[in-house]
């Protein structure tokens, strides 16, 4: 299992295209209660994207604009610019507050022509969006999911983030130790083992890990265990079983760590998820 697959197995996501066509005027995505990220694909024309408190960004070539978290923003096009877009929502299985979405900038943009595989996927999506083939909605939704995976590959390969999960996976020294944590969250990892995987001295590894990930190795392991626990809880697993599965001897230890990171107990979180 590669380093990105192990992440996506925990932070499942789905997309839903909700608009295709010409954009005239202002499109607003400022619902404070929103739990979704957004994709805006510019097919042609000129588009202005704006977040409160930041300078507007102008796009005038085919571009993927990705808001991984529920960030208030607007997109605008002049009426005579003949601007065409495809817009989709991004839903995360356990909600948008996860290390994957949190490790990315509030907005990422990639010109469609940056990579030939990326361009092929986008062109296929545009063909579906502005055509009338059978199962059009289903194909568009799946293609948007493929685009996100391609974008994440691009972020890792091009070192586009400085701190957090994606930065750690892009770091040639830390990637092996992080992959090991992801694959075996229940293992009682110690600093010496993780430093050896990174081929670094223990003190240097600890300092570099914290600098890149924004957490100590111990805190990162605890955070990852909570995310793995959420995956099991979503499937209706008992809290006691989940605790053992992620490396804790009893439910009280899991509950303490879980509450420190989510504000609620595993049972409360599971109930909230099931109710939705």
C-alpha atoms as a PDB file:
ATOM      1  CA  UNK A   1       0.000   0.000   0.000  1.00  0.00           C
ATOM      2  CA  UNK A   2       1.478   3.376  -0.988  1.00  0.00           C
ATOM      3  CA  UNK A   3       1.583   6.461   1.218  1.00  0.00           C
ATOM      4  CA  UNK A   4      -1.416   8.186  -0.375  1.00  0.00           C
ATOM      5  CA  UNK A   5      -3.654   5.115  -0.446  1.00  0.00           C
ATOM      6  CA  UNK A   6      -3.230   4.566   3.293  1.00  0.00           C
ATOM      7  CA  UNK A   7      -4.396   8.147   3.869  1.00  0.00           C
ATOM      8  CA  UNK A   8      -7.392   7.956   1.550  1.00  0.00           C
ATOM      9  CA  UNK A   9      -8.520   4.698   3.140  1.00  0.00           C
ATOM     10  CA  UNK A  10      -9.050   6.657   6.363  1.00  0.00           C
ATOM     11  CA  UNK A  11     -10.293   9.990   5.015  1.00  0.00           C
ATOM     12  CA  UNK A  12     -12.892   8.884   2.511  1.00  0.00           C
ATOM     13  CA  UNK A  13     -14.481  11.567   0.373  1.00  0.00           C
ATOM     14  CA  UNK A  14     -17.089  11.878  -2.331  1.00  0.00           C
ATOM     15  CA  UNK A  15     -17.999  14.638  -4.748  1.00  0.00           C
ATOM     16  CA  UNK A  16     -21.226  15.887  -6.257  1.00  0.00           C
ATOM     17  CA  UNK A  17     -21.380  18.182  -9.280  1.00  0.00           C
ATOM     18  CA  UNK A  18     -24.183  20.709  -8.760  1.00  0.00           C
ATOM     19  CA  UNK A  19     -23.642  23.261 -11.548  1.00  0.00           C
ATOM     20  CA  UNK A  20     -22.398  23.214 -15.116  1.00  0.00           C
ATOM     21  CA  UNK A  21     -22.736  26.114 -17.507  1.00  0.00           C
ATOM     22  CA  UNK A  22     -22.124  29.801 -17.950  1.00  0.00           C
ATOM     23  CA  UNK A  23     -21.371  31.960 -14.919  1.00  0.00           C
ATOM     24  CA  UNK A  24     -22.768  35.476 -15.079  1.00  0.00           C
ATOM     25  CA  UNK A  25     -22.265  37.680 -12.045  1.00  0.00           C
ATOM     26  CA  UNK A  26     -21.573  36.353  -8.541  1.00  0.00           C
ATOM     27  CA  UNK A  27     -21.612  32.860  -7.075  1.00  0.00           C
ATOM     28  CA  UNK A  28     -21.507  32.854  -3.273  1.00  0.00           C
ATOM     29  CA  UNK A  29     -20.376  29.987  -1.008  1.00  0.00           C
ATOM     30  CA  UNK A  30     -20.537  31.604   2.403  1.00  0.00           C
ATOM     31  CA  UNK A  31     -22.776  29.322   4.477  1.00  0.00           C
ATOM     32  CA  UNK A  32     -21.171  29.280   7.954  1.00  0.00           C
ATOM     33  CA  UNK A  33     -22.750  25.887   8.705  1.00  0.00           C
ATOM     34  CA  UNK A  34     -21.419  24.255   5.539  1.00  0.00           C
ATOM     35  CA  UNK A  35     -19.600  20.951   5.978  1.00  0.00           C
ATOM     36  CA  UNK A  36     -18.326  20.677   2.412  1.00  0.00           C
ATOM     37  CA  UNK A  37     -15.334  21.692   0.372  1.00  0.00           C
ATOM     38  CA  UNK A  38     -15.716  22.922  -3.210  1.00  0.00           C
ATOM     39  CA  UNK A  39     -14.276  22.400  -6.664  1.00  0.00           C
ATOM     40  CA  UNK A  40     -14.622  25.060  -9.349  1.00  0.00           C
ATOM     41  CA  UNK A  41     -13.368  24.098 -12.792  1.00  0.00           C
ATOM     42  CA  UNK A  42     -12.941  26.977 -15.205  1.00  0.00           C
ATOM     43  CA  UNK A  43     -13.502  25.786 -18.786  1.00  0.00           C
ATOM     44  CA  UNK A  44     -13.161  29.131 -20.544  1.00  0.00           C
ATOM     45  CA  UNK A  45     -13.402  32.858 -19.949  1.00  0.00           C
ATOM     46  CA  UNK A  46     -12.204  34.775 -16.895  1.00  0.00           C
ATOM     47  CA  UNK A  47     -13.050  34.036 -13.281  1.00  0.00           C
ATOM     48  CA  UNK A  48     -12.381  35.946 -10.057  1.00  0.00           C
ATOM     49  CA  UNK A  49     -12.174  33.952  -6.802  1.00  0.00           C
ATOM     50  CA  UNK A  50     -12.288  35.811  -3.507  1.00  0.00           C
ATOM     51  CA  UNK A  51     -11.981  34.870   0.165  1.00  0.00           C
ATOM     52  CA  UNK A  52     -12.847  37.462   2.858  1.00  0.00           C
ATOM     53  CA  UNK A  53      -9.751  39.323   3.994  1.00  0.00           C
ATOM     54  CA  UNK A  54      -7.676  38.272   0.977  1.00  0.00           C
ATOM     55  CA  UNK A  55      -6.997  39.836  -2.392  1.00  0.00           C
ATOM     56  CA  UNK A  56      -9.098  38.441  -5.264  1.00  0.00           C
ATOM     57  CA  UNK A  57      -7.384  35.946  -7.576  1.00  0.00           C
ATOM     58  CA  UNK A  58      -8.036  36.162 -11.321  1.00  0.00           C
ATOM     59  CA  UNK A  59      -8.017  33.065 -13.534  1.00  0.00           C
ATOM     60  CA  UNK A  60      -8.119  33.361 -17.335  1.00  0.00           C
ATOM     61  CA  UNK A  61      -7.131  29.889 -18.521  1.00  0.00           C
ATOM     62  CA  UNK A  62      -8.679  26.461 -17.829  1.00  0.00           C
ATOM     63  CA  UNK A  63      -7.972  25.863 -14.135  1.00  0.00           C
ATOM     64  CA  UNK A  64      -8.985  23.631 -11.247  1.00  0.00           C
ATOM     65  CA  UNK A  65      -9.753  25.702  -8.138  1.00  0.00           C
ATOM     66  CA  UNK A  66     -10.053  23.539  -5.032  1.00  0.00           C
ATOM     67  CA  UNK A  67     -11.269  24.628  -1.588  1.00  0.00           C
ATOM     68  CA  UNK A  68     -10.599  21.504   0.539  1.00  0.00           C
ATOM     69  CA  UNK A  69     -12.442  22.865   3.575  1.00  0.00           C
ATOM     70  CA  UNK A  70     -15.718  24.808   4.050  1.00  0.00           C
ATOM     71  CA  UNK A  71     -14.070  28.190   3.421  1.00  0.00           C
ATOM     72  CA  UNK A  72     -16.402  31.161   2.761  1.00  0.00           C
ATOM     73  CA  UNK A  73     -15.674  32.419  -0.757  1.00  0.00           C
ATOM     74  CA  UNK A  74     -17.208  33.854  -3.887  1.00  0.00           C
ATOM     75  CA  UNK A  75     -16.586  33.386  -7.590  1.00  0.00           C
ATOM     76  CA  UNK A  76     -17.437  36.131 -10.075  1.00  0.00           C
ATOM     77  CA  UNK A  77     -17.509  36.547 -13.841  1.00  0.00           C
ATOM     78  CA  UNK A  78     -18.458  39.494 -16.010  1.00  0.00           C
ATOM     79  CA  UNK A  79     -21.551  38.955 -18.154  1.00  0.00           C
ATOM     80  CA  UNK A  80     -19.690  39.431 -21.425  1.00  0.00           C
ATOM     81  CA  UNK A  81     -16.737  37.148 -20.537  1.00  0.00           C
ATOM     82  CA  UNK A  82     -18.465  33.951 -21.723  1.00  0.00           C
ATOM     83  CA  UNK A  83     -17.174  32.187 -18.613  1.00  0.00           C
ATOM     84  CA  UNK A  84     -18.107  28.515 -18.291  1.00  0.00           C
ATOM     85  CA  UNK A  85     -17.579  26.482 -15.123  1.00  0.00           C
ATOM     86  CA  UNK A  86     -18.234  23.157 -13.474  1.00  0.00           C
ATOM     87  CA  UNK A  87     -18.844  23.334  -9.710  1.00  0.00           C
ATOM     88  CA  UNK A  88     -18.914  20.434  -7.248  1.00  0.00           C
ATOM     89  CA  UNK A  89     -19.196  19.862  -3.521  1.00  0.00           C
ATOM     90  CA  UNK A  90     -16.661  17.708  -1.659  1.00  0.00           C
ATOM     91  CA  UNK A  91     -18.005  15.625   1.226  1.00  0.00           C
ATOM     92  CA  UNK A  92     -15.737  13.885   3.746  1.00  0.00           C
ATOM     93  CA  UNK A  93     -16.841  10.664   5.411  1.00  0.00           C
ATOM     94  CA  UNK A  94     -16.036  11.874   8.920  1.00  0.00           C
ATOM     95  CA  UNK A  95     -16.521  15.591   8.287  1.00  0.00           C
ATOM     96  CA  UNK A  96     -14.127  18.269   7.007  1.00  0.00           C
ATOM     97  CA  UNK A  97     -12.083  18.496  10.242  1.00  0.00           C
ATOM     98  CA  UNK A  98      -9.508  15.880   9.310  1.00  0.00           C
ATOM     99  CA  UNK A  99      -5.709  16.021   8.969  1.00  0.00           C
ATOM    100  CA  UNK A 100      -5.849  15.627   5.194  1.00  0.00           C
ATOM    101  CA  UNK A 101      -8.051  18.663   4.529  1.00  0.00           C
ATOM    102  CA  UNK A 102      -6.428  20.634   7.357  1.00  0.00           C
ATOM    103  CA  UNK A 103      -2.935  20.119   5.921  1.00  0.00           C
ATOM    104  CA  UNK A 104      -3.851  21.818   2.643  1.00  0.00           C
ATOM    105  CA  UNK A 105      -4.064  25.570   1.950  1.00  0.00           C
ATOM    106  CA  UNK A 106      -7.516  27.138   2.054  1.00  0.00           C
ATOM    107  CA  UNK A 107      -7.417  27.217  -1.750  1.00  0.00           C
ATOM    108  CA  UNK A 108      -5.291  25.382  -4.317  1.00  0.00           C
ATOM    109  CA  UNK A 109      -5.344  26.144  -8.031  1.00  0.00           C
ATOM    110  CA  UNK A 110      -3.776  24.129 -10.848  1.00  0.00           C
ATOM    111  CA  UNK A 111      -3.854  25.124 -14.526  1.00  0.00           C
ATOM    112  CA  UNK A 112      -5.399  22.279 -16.498  1.00  0.00           C
ATOM    113  CA  UNK A 113      -2.452  22.157 -18.910  1.00  0.00           C
ATOM    114  CA  UNK A 114       0.062  21.553 -16.109  1.00  0.00           C
ATOM    115  CA  UNK A 115      -0.003  17.759 -16.576  1.00  0.00           C
ATOM    116  CA  UNK A 116      -1.197  15.732 -19.559  1.00  0.00           C
ATOM    117  CA  UNK A 117      -3.022  13.119 -17.426  1.00  0.00           C
ATOM    118  CA  UNK A 118      -4.714  15.861 -15.450  1.00  0.00           C
ATOM    119  CA  UNK A 119      -5.686  17.576 -18.704  1.00  0.00           C
ATOM    120  CA  UNK A 120      -7.182  14.350 -20.081  1.00  0.00           C
ATOM    121  CA  UNK A 121      -9.370  13.905 -16.986  1.00  0.00           C
ATOM    122  CA  UNK A 122     -10.563  17.522 -17.107  1.00  0.00           C
ATOM    123  CA  UNK A 123     -11.353  17.340 -20.811  1.00  0.00           C
ATOM    124  CA  UNK A 124     -13.385  14.187 -20.223  1.00  0.00           C
ATOM    125  CA  UNK A 125     -15.244  15.930 -17.395  1.00  0.00           C
ATOM    126  CA  UNK A 126     -16.013  18.934 -19.613  1.00  0.00           C
ATOM    127  CA  UNK A 127     -17.264  16.595 -22.333  1.00  0.00           C
ATOM    128  CA  UNK A 128     -19.687  15.015 -19.854  1.00  0.00           C
ATOM    129  CA  UNK A 129     -20.692  18.328 -18.258  1.00  0.00           C
ATOM    130  CA  UNK A 130     -21.580  20.048 -21.510  1.00  0.00           C
ATOM    131  CA  UNK A 131     -23.002  16.959 -23.221  1.00  0.00           C
ATOM    132  CA  UNK A 132     -26.042  14.747 -22.733  1.00  0.00           C
ATOM    133  CA  UNK A 133     -24.724  11.189 -22.429  1.00  0.00           C
ATOM    134  CA  UNK A 134     -26.358   8.532 -20.247  1.00  0.00           C
ATOM    135  CA  UNK A 135     -25.289   8.459 -16.581  1.00  0.00           C
ATOM    136  CA  UNK A 136     -23.795  11.926 -17.009  1.00  0.00           C
ATOM    137  CA  UNK A 137     -24.094  12.882 -13.316  1.00  0.00           C
ATOM    138  CA  UNK A 138     -22.474   9.679 -12.094  1.00  0.00           C
ATOM    139  CA  UNK A 139     -19.523  10.025 -14.451  1.00  0.00           C
ATOM    140  CA  UNK A 140     -18.995  13.696 -13.540  1.00  0.00           C
ATOM    141  CA  UNK A 141     -18.986  12.911  -9.825  1.00  0.00           C
ATOM    142  CA  UNK A 142     -16.464  10.082 -10.215  1.00  0.00           C
ATOM    143  CA  UNK A 143     -14.211  12.178 -12.443  1.00  0.00           C
ATOM    144  CA  UNK A 144     -14.133  14.933  -9.816  1.00  0.00           C
ATOM    145  CA  UNK A 145     -12.948  12.360  -7.295  1.00  0.00           C
ATOM    146  CA  UNK A 146     -10.208  11.277  -9.692  1.00  0.00           C
ATOM    147  CA  UNK A 147      -9.185  14.930 -10.058  1.00  0.00           C
ATOM    148  CA  UNK A 148      -8.780  15.287  -6.299  1.00  0.00           C
ATOM    149  CA  UNK A 149      -6.501  12.239  -6.177  1.00  0.00           C
ATOM    150  CA  UNK A 150      -4.465  13.647  -9.063  1.00  0.00           C
ATOM    151  CA  UNK A 151      -4.275  16.980  -7.246  1.00  0.00           C
ATOM    152  CA  UNK A 152      -3.034  15.306  -4.053  1.00  0.00           C
ATOM    153  CA  UNK A 153      -0.347  13.504  -6.053  1.00  0.00           C
ATOM    154  CA  UNK A 154       0.679  16.851  -7.506  1.00  0.00           C
ATOM    155  CA  UNK A 155       0.834  18.464  -4.057  1.00  0.00           C
ATOM    156  CA  UNK A 156       3.114  15.686  -2.757  1.00  0.00           C
ATOM    157  CA  UNK A 157       5.362  15.504  -5.825  1.00  0.00           C
ATOM    158  CA  UNK A 158       5.784  19.274  -6.028  1.00  0.00           C
ATOM    159  CA  UNK A 159       6.129  19.967  -2.277  1.00  0.00           C
ATOM    160  CA  UNK A 160       3.271  22.464  -2.334  1.00  0.00           C
ATOM    161  CA  UNK A 161       2.689  22.550   1.443  1.00  0.00           C
ATOM    162  CA  UNK A 162       5.145  23.353   4.229  1.00  0.00           C
ATOM    163  CA  UNK A 163       3.442  21.977   7.356  1.00  0.00           C
ATOM    164  CA  UNK A 164       1.103  19.081   8.136  1.00  0.00           C
ATOM    165  CA  UNK A 165       0.239  15.651   6.843  1.00  0.00           C
ATOM    166  CA  UNK A 166       0.860  16.327   3.148  1.00  0.00           C
ATOM    167  CA  UNK A 167       4.171  18.051   3.893  1.00  0.00           C
ATOM    168  CA  UNK A 168       5.286  15.020   5.893  1.00  0.00           C
ATOM    169  CA  UNK A 169       4.427  12.630   3.070  1.00  0.00           C
ATOM    170  CA  UNK A 170       6.369  14.848   0.659  1.00  0.00           C
ATOM    171  CA  UNK A 171       9.445  14.812   2.925  1.00  0.00           C
ATOM    172  CA  UNK A 172      11.798  12.065   1.763  1.00  0.00           C
ATOM    173  CA  UNK A 173      13.128  11.525   5.290  1.00  0.00           C
ATOM    174  CA  UNK A 174       9.814  11.444   7.144  1.00  0.00           C
ATOM    175  CA  UNK A 175       7.664   9.609   4.599  1.00  0.00           C
ATOM    176  CA  UNK A 176       8.795   6.105   5.630  1.00  0.00           C
ATOM    177  CA  UNK A 177       8.133   6.656   9.335  1.00  0.00           C
ATOM    178  CA  UNK A 178       4.733   8.219   8.634  1.00  0.00           C
ATOM    179  CA  UNK A 179       3.765   5.383   6.301  1.00  0.00           C
ATOM    180  CA  UNK A 180       4.677   2.912   9.049  1.00  0.00           C
ATOM    181  CA  UNK A 181       2.457   4.737  11.562  1.00  0.00           C
ATOM    182  CA  UNK A 182      -0.403   4.804   9.070  1.00  0.00           C
ATOM    183  CA  UNK A 183      -0.117   1.091   8.317  1.00  0.00           C
ATOM    184  CA  UNK A 184       0.235  -0.054  11.940  1.00  0.00           C
ATOM    185  CA  UNK A 185      -1.545   2.459  14.191  1.00  0.00           C
ATOM    186  CA  UNK A 186      -1.918  -0.066  17.032  1.00  0.00           C
ATOM    187  CA  UNK A 187       1.807  -0.715  17.308  1.00  0.00           C
ATOM    188  CA  UNK A 188       3.569   0.730  20.357  1.00  0.00           C
ATOM    189  CA  UNK A 189       5.913   2.923  18.338  1.00  0.00           C
ATOM    190  CA  UNK A 190       8.921   4.475  20.021  1.00  0.00           C
ATOM    191  CA  UNK A 191      11.118   7.323  18.902  1.00  0.00           C
ATOM    192  CA  UNK A 192      14.135   5.112  18.199  1.00  0.00           C
ATOM    193  CA  UNK A 193      12.197   2.882  15.754  1.00  0.00           C
ATOM    194  CA  UNK A 194      10.697   5.838  13.906  1.00  0.00           C
ATOM    195  CA  UNK A 195      14.051   7.644  13.710  1.00  0.00           C
ATOM    196  CA  UNK A 196      15.691   4.527  12.273  1.00  0.00           C
ATOM    197  CA  UNK A 197      13.035   4.342   9.549  1.00  0.00           C
ATOM    198  CA  UNK A 198      13.890   7.938   8.665  1.00  0.00           C
ATOM    199  CA  UNK A 199      17.620   7.198   8.879  1.00  0.00           C
ATOM    200  CA  UNK A 200      18.054  10.098  11.301  1.00  0.00           C
ATOM    201  CA  UNK A 201      19.384  10.596  14.795  1.00  0.00           C
ATOM    202  CA  UNK A 202      16.621  10.457  17.401  1.00  0.00           C
ATOM    203  CA  UNK A 203      16.864  14.091  18.521  1.00  0.00           C
ATOM    204  CA  UNK A 204      17.119  15.390  14.962  1.00  0.00           C
ATOM    205  CA  UNK A 205      14.175  13.237  13.874  1.00  0.00           C
ATOM    206  CA  UNK A 206      11.977  14.474  16.728  1.00  0.00           C
ATOM    207  CA  UNK A 207      12.770  18.115  15.943  1.00  0.00           C
ATOM    208  CA  UNK A 208      12.317  17.708  12.188  1.00  0.00           C
ATOM    209  CA  UNK A 209       9.070  15.754  12.596  1.00  0.00           C
ATOM    210  CA  UNK A 210       7.590  18.511  14.722  1.00  0.00           C
ATOM    211  CA  UNK A 211       8.808  21.219  12.367  1.00  0.00           C
ATOM    212  CA  UNK A 212       7.229  19.570   9.303  1.00  0.00           C
ATOM    213  CA  UNK A 213       4.071  18.073  10.817  1.00  0.00           C
ATOM    214  CA  UNK A 214       3.326  20.684  13.442  1.00  0.00           C
ATOM    215  CA  UNK A 215       3.094  17.914  16.077  1.00  0.00           C
ATOM    216  CA  UNK A 216       5.429  15.706  18.035  1.00  0.00           C
ATOM    217  CA  UNK A 217       5.584  12.062  16.866  1.00  0.00           C
ATOM    218  CA  UNK A 218       3.595  11.023  19.955  1.00  0.00           C
ATOM    219  CA  UNK A 219       0.854  13.568  19.294  1.00  0.00           C
ATOM    220  CA  UNK A 220       0.728  12.590  15.642  1.00  0.00           C
ATOM    221  CA  UNK A 221       0.295   8.906  16.535  1.00  0.00           C
ATOM    222  CA  UNK A 222      -2.538   9.776  18.923  1.00  0.00           C
ATOM    223  CA  UNK A 223      -4.227  11.938  16.274  1.00  0.00           C
ATOM    224  CA  UNK A 224      -3.918   9.205  13.666  1.00  0.00           C
ATOM    225  CA  UNK A 225      -5.362   6.629  16.068  1.00  0.00           C
ATOM    226  CA  UNK A 226      -8.390   8.862  16.604  1.00  0.00           C
ATOM    227  CA  UNK A 227      -8.913   9.117  12.841  1.00  0.00           C
ATOM    228  CA  UNK A 228      -8.647   5.329  12.464  1.00  0.00           C
ATOM    229  CA  UNK A 229     -11.075   4.962  15.373  1.00  0.00           C
ATOM    230  CA  UNK A 230     -13.563   7.198  13.539  1.00  0.00           C
ATOM    231  CA  UNK A 231     -13.392   4.896  10.520  1.00  0.00           C
ATOM    232  CA  UNK A 232     -14.305   1.901  12.694  1.00  0.00           C
ATOM    233  CA  UNK A 233     -16.983   3.814  14.600  1.00  0.00           C
ATOM    234  CA  UNK A 234     -18.621   4.781  11.297  1.00  0.00           C
ATOM    235  CA  UNK A 235     -19.033   1.072  10.625  1.00  0.00           C
ATOM    236  CA  UNK A 236     -20.886   0.589  13.919  1.00  0.00           C
ATOM    237  CA  UNK A 237     -18.048  -1.159  15.770  1.00  0.00           C
ATOM    238  CA  UNK A 238     -18.182  -1.280  19.572  1.00  0.00           C
ATOM    239  CA  UNK A 239     -15.974   1.254  21.349  1.00  0.00           C
ATOM    240  CA  UNK A 240     -14.139  -1.448  23.316  1.00  0.00           C
ATOM    241  CA  UNK A 241     -13.225  -3.277  20.122  1.00  0.00           C
ATOM    242  CA  UNK A 242     -12.146  -0.030  18.483  1.00  0.00           C
ATOM    243  CA  UNK A 243      -9.896   0.849  21.431  1.00  0.00           C
ATOM    244  CA  UNK A 244      -7.983  -2.426  21.093  1.00  0.00           C
ATOM    245  CA  UNK A 245      -7.816  -2.075  17.320  1.00  0.00           C
ATOM    246  CA  UNK A 246      -6.020   1.272  17.538  1.00  0.00           C
ATOM    247  CA  UNK A 247      -3.617   0.308  20.296  1.00  0.00           C
ATOM    248  CA  UNK A 248      -5.318   1.187  23.591  1.00  0.00           C
ATOM    249  CA  UNK A 249      -5.869  -1.369  26.329  1.00  0.00           C
ATOM    250  CA  UNK A 250      -9.198   0.038  27.485  1.00  0.00           C
ATOM    251  CA  UNK A 251     -12.042   2.303  26.432  1.00  0.00           C
ATOM    252  CA  UNK A 252     -11.241   4.988  28.990  1.00  0.00           C
ATOM    253  CA  UNK A 253      -7.847   5.708  27.421  1.00  0.00           C
ATOM    254  CA  UNK A 254      -9.369   5.968  23.960  1.00  0.00           C
ATOM    255  CA  UNK A 255     -12.188   8.132  25.319  1.00  0.00           C
ATOM    256  CA  UNK A 256      -9.712  10.549  26.933  1.00  0.00           C
ATOM    257  CA  UNK A 257      -7.604  10.923  23.775  1.00  0.00           C
ATOM    258  CA  UNK A 258     -10.678  11.052  21.531  1.00  0.00           C
ATOM    259  CA  UNK A 259     -12.349  13.760  23.620  1.00  0.00           C
ATOM    260  CA  UNK A 260      -9.162  15.855  23.705  1.00  0.00           C
ATOM    261  CA  UNK A 261      -9.202  16.011  19.897  1.00  0.00           C
ATOM    262  CA  UNK A 262     -12.917  16.133  19.101  1.00  0.00           C
ATOM    263  CA  UNK A 263     -14.538  17.555  22.228  1.00  0.00           C
ATOM    264  CA  UNK A 264     -16.847  14.544  22.605  1.00  0.00           C
ATOM    265  CA  UNK A 265     -16.577  10.854  23.515  1.00  0.00           C
ATOM    266  CA  UNK A 266     -16.341   8.054  20.922  1.00  0.00           C
ATOM    267  CA  UNK A 267     -19.920   6.961  21.736  1.00  0.00           C
ATOM    268  CA  UNK A 268     -21.235  10.507  21.323  1.00  0.00           C
ATOM    269  CA  UNK A 269     -19.360  10.892  18.041  1.00  0.00           C
ATOM    270  CA  UNK A 270     -20.684   7.571  16.766  1.00  0.00           C
ATOM    271  CA  UNK A 271     -24.256   8.520  17.689  1.00  0.00           C
ATOM    272  CA  UNK A 272     -23.945  11.883  15.931  1.00  0.00           C
ATOM    273  CA  UNK A 273     -22.597  10.213  12.800  1.00  0.00           C
ATOM    274  CA  UNK A 274     -25.299   7.543  12.767  1.00  0.00           C
ATOM    275  CA  UNK A 275     -28.038  10.156  13.307  1.00  0.00           C
ATOM    276  CA  UNK A 276     -26.871  12.005  10.208  1.00  0.00           C
END
